[in-house]
C-alpha atoms as a PDB file:
ATOM      1  CA  MET A   1     -36.718  13.280  46.202  1.00  0.00           C
ATOM      2  CA  ASN A   2     -37.444  12.926  42.471  1.00  0.00           C
ATOM      3  CA  LYS A   3     -40.216  15.493  42.808  1.00  0.00           C
ATOM      4  CA  GLN A   4     -37.699  17.962  44.216  1.00  0.00           C
ATOM      5  CA  LEU A   5     -35.383  17.434  41.202  1.00  0.00           C
ATOM      6  CA  ALA A   6     -38.235  18.106  38.811  1.00  0.00           C
ATOM      7  CA  LYS A   7     -38.886  21.538  40.343  1.00  0.00           C
ATOM      8  CA  THR A   8     -36.657  24.307  39.005  1.00  0.00           C
ATOM      9  CA  ALA A   9     -36.413  27.982  39.675  1.00  0.00           C
ATOM     10  CA  TRP A  10     -36.540  28.716  35.914  1.00  0.00           C
ATOM     11  CA  LYS A  11     -39.538  28.702  33.635  1.00  0.00           C
ATOM     12  CA  PRO A  12     -39.287  27.115  30.176  1.00  0.00           C
ATOM     13  CA  GLY A  13     -37.328  29.421  27.858  1.00  0.00           C
ATOM     14  CA  GLN A  14     -35.883  31.411  30.755  1.00  0.00           C
ATOM     15  CA  SER A  15     -32.091  31.465  31.124  1.00  0.00           C
ATOM     16  CA  GLY A  16     -30.431  30.520  34.382  1.00  0.00           C
ATOM     17  CA  ASN A  17     -27.746  33.083  33.554  1.00  0.00           C
ATOM     18  CA  PRO A  18     -29.372  36.147  31.988  1.00  0.00           C
ATOM     19  CA  LEU A  19     -26.031  38.008  31.928  1.00  0.00           C
ATOM     20  CA  GLY A  20     -24.264  35.138  30.123  1.00  0.00           C
ATOM     21  CA  ARG A  21     -23.093  35.001  26.523  1.00  0.00           C
ATOM     22  CA  PRO A  22     -25.731  36.437  24.181  1.00  0.00           C
ATOM     23  CA  GLN A  23     -27.324  34.077  21.689  1.00  0.00           C
ATOM     24  CA  GLY A  24     -25.276  33.953  18.458  1.00  0.00           C
ATOM     25  CA  ALA A  25     -22.173  35.467  20.051  1.00  0.00           C
ATOM     26  CA  ARG A  26     -20.071  32.372  19.357  1.00  0.00           C
ATOM     27  CA  ALA A  27     -21.069  32.404  15.676  1.00  0.00           C
ATOM     28  CA  LYS A  28     -20.250  36.112  15.408  1.00  0.00           C
ATOM     29  CA  PHE A  29     -16.828  35.478  16.933  1.00  0.00           C
ATOM     30  CA  SER A  30     -16.158  32.600  14.507  1.00  0.00           C
ATOM     31  CA  GLU A  31     -17.273  34.664  11.513  1.00  0.00           C
ATOM     32  CA  LYS A  32     -15.067  37.590  12.583  1.00  0.00           C
ATOM     33  CA  ALA A  33     -12.073  35.304  13.239  1.00  0.00           C
ATOM     34  CA  CYS A  34     -12.467  33.687   9.807  1.00  0.00           C
ATOM     35  CA  ALA A  35     -12.814  37.087   8.112  1.00  0.00           C
ATOM     36  CA  ASP A  36      -9.683  38.355   9.880  1.00  0.00           C
ATOM     37  CA  ALA A  37      -7.752  35.201   8.973  1.00  0.00           C
ATOM     38  CA  LEU A  38      -8.828  35.528   5.334  1.00  0.00           C
ATOM     39  CA  ALA A  39      -7.773  39.178   5.222  1.00  0.00           C
ATOM     40  CA  ASP A  40      -4.394  38.337   6.735  1.00  0.00           C
ATOM     41  CA  TRP A  41      -3.944  35.370   4.402  1.00  0.00           C
ATOM     42  CA  THR A  42      -4.836  37.494   1.375  1.00  0.00           C
ATOM     43  CA  SER A  43      -2.192  40.054   2.366  1.00  0.00           C
ATOM     44  CA  ASN A  44       0.560  37.822   3.739  1.00  0.00           C
ATOM     45  CA  GLY A  45      -0.199  34.195   2.891  1.00  0.00           C
ATOM     46  CA  ALA A  46       2.204  33.628   0.016  1.00  0.00           C
ATOM     47  CA  ALA A  47       5.086  35.388   1.767  1.00  0.00           C
ATOM     48  CA  THR A  48       4.441  33.478   4.984  1.00  0.00           C
ATOM     49  CA  LEU A  49       4.338  30.152   3.154  1.00  0.00           C
ATOM     50  CA  GLU A  50       7.603  30.962   1.406  1.00  0.00           C
ATOM     51  CA  ARG A  51       9.296  31.944   4.685  1.00  0.00           C
ATOM     52  CA  VAL A  52       8.051  28.866   6.576  1.00  0.00           C
ATOM     53  CA  ARG A  53       9.018  26.581   3.682  1.00  0.00           C
ATOM     54  CA  ALA A  54      12.555  27.986   3.760  1.00  0.00           C
ATOM     55  CA  THR A  55      13.022  28.104   7.541  1.00  0.00           C
ATOM     56  CA  ASP A  56      10.901  25.212   8.843  1.00  0.00           C
ATOM     57  CA  PRO A  57      10.059  22.657   6.112  1.00  0.00           C
ATOM     58  CA  SER A  58       8.504  20.158   8.537  1.00  0.00           C
ATOM     59  CA  THR A  59       5.949  22.713   9.752  1.00  0.00           C
ATOM     60  CA  TYR A  60       5.320  23.765   6.159  1.00  0.00           C
ATOM     61  CA  LEU A  61       4.538  20.188   5.114  1.00  0.00           C
ATOM     62  CA  ARG A  62       2.490  19.483   8.252  1.00  0.00           C
ATOM     63  CA  VAL A  63       0.289  22.525   7.580  1.00  0.00           C
ATOM     64  CA  LEU A  64      -0.126  21.693   3.902  1.00  0.00           C
ATOM     65  CA  PHE A  65      -1.105  18.099   4.602  1.00  0.00           C
ATOM     66  CA  SER A  66      -3.492  19.177   7.366  1.00  0.00           C
ATOM     67  CA  ILE A  67      -5.537  21.273   4.917  1.00  0.00           C
ATOM     68  CA  ILE A  68      -5.685  18.674   2.135  1.00  0.00           C
ATOM     69  CA  PRO A  69      -9.021  16.812   2.175  1.00  0.00           C
ATOM     70  CA  LYS A  70      -8.521  13.283   3.512  1.00  0.00           C
ATOM     71  CA  ASP A  71      -9.748  11.504   0.369  1.00  0.00           C
ATOM     72  CA  ILE A  72      -7.112  13.300  -1.700  1.00  0.00           C
ATOM     73  CA  ALA A  73      -4.395  12.510   0.825  1.00  0.00           C
ATOM     74  CA  VAL A  74      -5.310   8.826   0.703  1.00  0.00           C
ATOM     75  CA  SER A  75      -5.128   8.723  -3.084  1.00  0.00           C
ATOM     76  CA  ILE A  76      -1.722  10.445  -3.003  1.00  0.00           C
ATOM     77  CA  GLU A  77      -0.391   7.989  -0.419  1.00  0.00           C
ATOM     78  CA  ASN A  78      -1.617   4.946  -2.351  1.00  0.00           C
ATOM     79  CA  ARG A  79       0.049   5.903  -5.623  1.00  0.00           C
ATOM     80  CA  THR A  80       3.383   4.315  -6.411  1.00  0.00           C
ATOM     81  CA  GLY A  81       4.299   6.571  -9.309  1.00  0.00           C
ATOM     82  CA  PRO A  82       3.044   9.509 -11.286  1.00  0.00           C
ATOM     83  CA  MET A  83       0.171   8.904 -13.693  1.00  0.00           C
ATOM     84  CA  ASP A  84      -1.277  11.464 -16.016  1.00  0.00           C
ATOM     85  CA  SER A  85      -4.972  11.578 -16.868  1.00  0.00           C
ATOM     86  CA  ALA A  86      -4.526   9.589 -20.095  1.00  0.00           C
ATOM     87  CA  GLU A  87      -2.844   6.775 -18.145  1.00  0.00           C
ATOM     88  CA  MET A  88      -5.606   6.864 -15.546  1.00  0.00           C
ATOM     89  CA  GLN A  89      -8.230   6.572 -18.302  1.00  0.00           C
ATOM     90  CA  MET A  90      -6.407   3.555 -19.760  1.00  0.00           C
ATOM     91  CA  MET A  91      -6.223   1.960 -16.320  1.00  0.00           C
ATOM     92  CA  ARG A  92      -9.942   2.529 -15.734  1.00  0.00           C
ATOM     93  CA  ARG A  93     -10.727   0.976 -19.106  1.00  0.00           C
ATOM     94  CA  LEU A  94      -8.487  -2.014 -18.363  1.00  0.00           C
ATOM     95  CA  VAL A  95     -10.015  -2.511 -14.921  1.00  0.00           C
ATOM     96  CA  GLY A  96     -13.492  -2.277 -16.435  1.00  0.00           C
ATOM     97  CA  LEU A  97     -12.669  -4.993 -18.978  1.00  0.00           C
ATOM     98  CA  ILE A  98     -11.231  -7.254 -16.295  1.00  0.00           C
ATOM     99  CA  GLN A  99     -14.215  -6.678 -14.004  1.00  0.00           C
ATOM    100  CA  ALA A 100     -16.576  -7.536 -16.849  1.00  0.00           C
ATOM    101  CA  THR A 101     -15.047 -11.019 -17.015  1.00  0.00           C
ATOM    102  CA  ALA A 102     -14.551 -11.432 -13.258  1.00  0.00           C
ATOM    103  CA  ASN A 103     -17.608 -13.639 -12.772  1.00  0.00           C
ATOM    104  CA  ALA A 104     -16.566 -16.056 -15.493  1.00  0.00           C
ATOM    105  CA  VAL A 105     -12.769 -15.977 -15.344  1.00  0.00           C
ATOM    106  CA  ASP A 106     -10.183 -15.389 -12.625  1.00  0.00           C
ATOM    107  CA  PRO A 107      -8.692 -11.878 -13.063  1.00  0.00           C
ATOM    108  CA  GLU A 108      -5.157 -13.347 -12.909  1.00  0.00           C
ATOM    109  CA  ILE A 109      -5.946 -15.440 -15.972  1.00  0.00           C
ATOM    110  CA  VAL A 110      -7.225 -12.323 -17.769  1.00  0.00           C
ATOM    111  CA  PHE A 111      -3.968 -10.520 -16.891  1.00  0.00           C
ATOM    112  CA  GLY A 112      -2.060 -13.468 -18.348  1.00  0.00           C
ATOM    113  CA  TRP A 113      -4.075 -13.304 -21.576  1.00  0.00           C
ATOM    114  CA  ILE A 114      -3.483  -9.572 -21.882  1.00  0.00           C
ATOM    115  CA  GLU A 115       0.243  -9.915 -21.253  1.00  0.00           C
ATOM    116  CA  GLU A 116       0.590 -12.846 -23.671  1.00  0.00           C
ATOM    117  CA  ASP A 117      -1.395 -11.093 -26.394  1.00  0.00           C
ATOM    118  CA  LEU A 118       0.542  -7.837 -26.047  1.00  0.00           C
ATOM    119  CA  ARG A 119       3.890  -9.632 -26.156  1.00  0.00           C
ATOM    120  CA  ALA A 120       2.832 -11.556 -29.271  1.00  0.00           C
ATOM    121  CA  ARG A 121       1.602  -8.405 -31.005  1.00  0.00           C
ATOM    122  CA  VAL A 122       4.753  -6.353 -30.381  1.00  0.00           C
ATOM    123  CA  ALA A 123       7.301  -9.153 -30.729  1.00  0.00           C
ATOM    124  CA  LYS A 124       9.869  -8.689 -33.462  1.00  0.00           C
ATOM    125  CA  ARG A 125      10.554 -11.557 -35.743  1.00  0.00           C
ATOM    126  CA  ILE A 126      14.153 -12.706 -35.802  1.00  0.00           C
ATOM    127  CA  ASP A 127      15.238 -14.289 -39.059  1.00  0.00           C
ATOM    128  CA  SER A 128      17.947 -16.870 -38.648  1.00  0.00           C
END
Protein backbone atom coordinates (compact mmCIF):
# COMPACT_ATOMS: atom_id res chain seq x y z
CA MET A 1 0.00 0.00 0.00
CA ASN A 2 2.81 2.44 0.85
CA LYS A 3 4.38 1.76 -2.53
CA GLN A 4 1.13 2.82 -4.19
CA LEU A 5 1.14 6.13 -2.26
CA ALA A 6 4.68 6.85 -3.37
CA LYS A 7 3.72 6.60 -7.06
CA THR A 8 2.25 9.79 -8.51
CA ALA A 9 1.04 10.76 -11.92
CA TRP A 10 3.20 13.92 -11.84
CA LYS A 11 6.91 14.22 -12.40
CA PRO A 12 9.00 16.46 -10.13
CA GLY A 13 8.40 20.11 -11.06
CA GLN A 14 5.22 19.30 -12.98
CA SER A 15 1.99 20.91 -11.77
CA GLY A 16 -1.07 18.82 -11.01
CA ASN A 17 -3.16 21.75 -12.22
CA PRO A 18 -1.48 23.32 -15.26
CA LEU A 19 -4.42 25.72 -15.77
CA GLY A 20 -4.27 26.94 -12.15
CA ARG A 21 -3.08 30.29 -10.85
CA PRO A 22 0.13 31.36 -12.59
CA GLN A 23 3.25 31.64 -10.48
CA GLY A 24 3.53 35.15 -8.96
CA ALA A 25 -0.12 36.00 -9.58
CA ARG A 26 -0.85 36.43 -5.87
CA ALA A 27 2.08 38.83 -5.48
CA LYS A 28 0.95 40.83 -8.51
CA PHE A 29 -2.55 41.10 -7.05
CA SER A 30 -1.17 42.26 -3.68
CA GLU A 31 1.10 44.82 -5.32
CA LYS A 32 -1.78 46.17 -7.44
CA ALA A 33 -4.14 46.28 -4.44
CA CYS A 34 -1.55 48.18 -2.38
CA ALA A 35 -0.87 50.60 -5.24
CA ASP A 36 -4.61 51.24 -5.67
CA ALA A 37 -5.07 51.73 -1.92
CA LEU A 38 -2.15 54.18 -1.83
CA ALA A 39 -3.55 56.15 -4.76
CA ASP A 40 -6.97 56.32 -3.12
CA TRP A 41 -5.46 57.27 0.23
CA THR A 42 -3.35 59.99 -1.38
CA SER A 43 -6.47 61.48 -2.99
CA ASN A 44 -9.07 60.93 -0.28
CA GLY A 45 -7.35 59.87 2.94
CA ALA A 46 -7.49 63.10 4.91
CA ALA A 47 -11.10 63.81 3.95
CA THR A 48 -12.13 60.26 4.79
CA LEU A 49 -10.41 60.40 8.17
CA GLU A 50 -12.13 63.69 8.95
CA ARG A 51 -15.55 62.32 7.96
CA VAL A 52 -15.14 59.07 9.93
CA ARG A 53 -13.82 60.97 12.96
CA ALA A 54 -16.92 63.19 12.91
CA THR A 55 -19.51 60.49 12.17
CA ASP A 56 -18.09 57.34 13.79
CA PRO A 57 -15.39 58.12 16.40
CA SER A 58 -15.14 54.51 17.61
CA THR A 59 -14.26 53.25 14.13
CA TYR A 60 -11.85 56.15 13.71
CA LEU A 61 -10.00 55.24 16.91
CA ARG A 62 -10.08 51.50 16.17
CA VAL A 63 -8.47 52.08 12.76
CA LEU A 64 -5.85 54.45 14.15
CA PHE A 65 -4.86 52.07 16.94
CA SER A 66 -4.76 49.12 14.53
CA ILE A 67 -2.07 50.82 12.42
CA ILE A 68 0.11 51.95 15.32
CA PRO A 69 3.06 49.58 15.83
CA LYS A 70 2.49 47.46 18.95
CA ASP A 71 5.60 48.65 20.80
CA ILE A 72 4.41 52.25 20.53
CA ALA A 73 0.91 51.32 21.67
CA VAL A 74 2.34 49.59 24.73
CA SER A 75 4.42 52.61 25.69
CA ILE A 76 1.37 54.88 25.30
CA GLU A 77 -0.77 52.59 27.47
CA ASN A 78 1.86 52.37 30.22
CA ARG A 79 2.28 56.12 30.62
CA THR A 80 0.36 57.79 33.41
CA GLY A 81 0.94 61.36 32.29
CA PRO A 82 2.58 63.39 29.59
CA MET A 83 6.37 63.63 29.63
CA ASP A 84 8.43 65.69 27.28
CA SER A 85 11.84 64.57 26.05
CA ALA A 86 13.71 66.58 28.71
CA GLU A 87 11.72 64.84 31.45
CA MET A 88 12.39 61.46 29.85
CA GLN A 89 16.13 62.22 29.77
CA MET A 90 16.05 63.14 33.47
CA MET A 91 14.17 59.93 34.27
CA ARG A 92 16.68 57.84 32.31
CA ARG A 93 19.54 59.52 34.17
CA LEU A 94 17.84 58.93 37.52
CA VAL A 95 17.13 55.29 36.71
CA GLY A 96 20.74 54.84 35.59
CA LEU A 97 22.03 56.23 38.90
CA ILE A 98 19.72 54.00 40.90
CA GLN A 99 20.65 50.94 38.84
CA ALA A 100 24.33 51.68 39.39
CA THR A 101 23.81 51.27 43.14
CA ALA A 102 21.30 48.41 42.90
CA ASN A 103 23.82 45.69 43.73
CA ALA A 104 25.00 47.44 46.88
CA VAL A 105 21.88 49.23 48.11
CA ASP A 106 18.14 48.60 47.91
CA PRO A 107 16.61 50.99 45.33
CA GLU A 108 13.97 52.07 47.88
CA ILE A 109 16.74 53.31 50.16
CA VAL A 110 18.27 55.25 47.24
CA PHE A 111 14.86 56.84 46.56
CA GLY A 112 14.70 57.83 50.23
CA TRP A 113 18.15 59.43 50.05
CA ILE A 114 17.22 61.35 46.92
CA GLU A 115 13.95 62.58 48.41
CA GLU A 116 15.59 63.55 51.72
CA ASP A 117 18.45 65.36 50.00
CA LEU A 118 16.15 67.26 47.64
CA ARG A 119 13.86 68.33 50.48
CA ALA A 120 16.85 69.54 52.52
CA ARG A 121 18.30 71.46 49.58
CA VAL A 122 15.08 73.30 48.68
CA ALA A 123 13.74 73.79 52.21
CA LYS A 124 13.21 77.38 53.27
CA ARG A 125 14.49 78.44 56.60
CA ILE A 126 11.86 79.84 58.93
CA ASP A 127 13.17 82.34 61.44
CA SER A 128 11.23 82.40 64.67
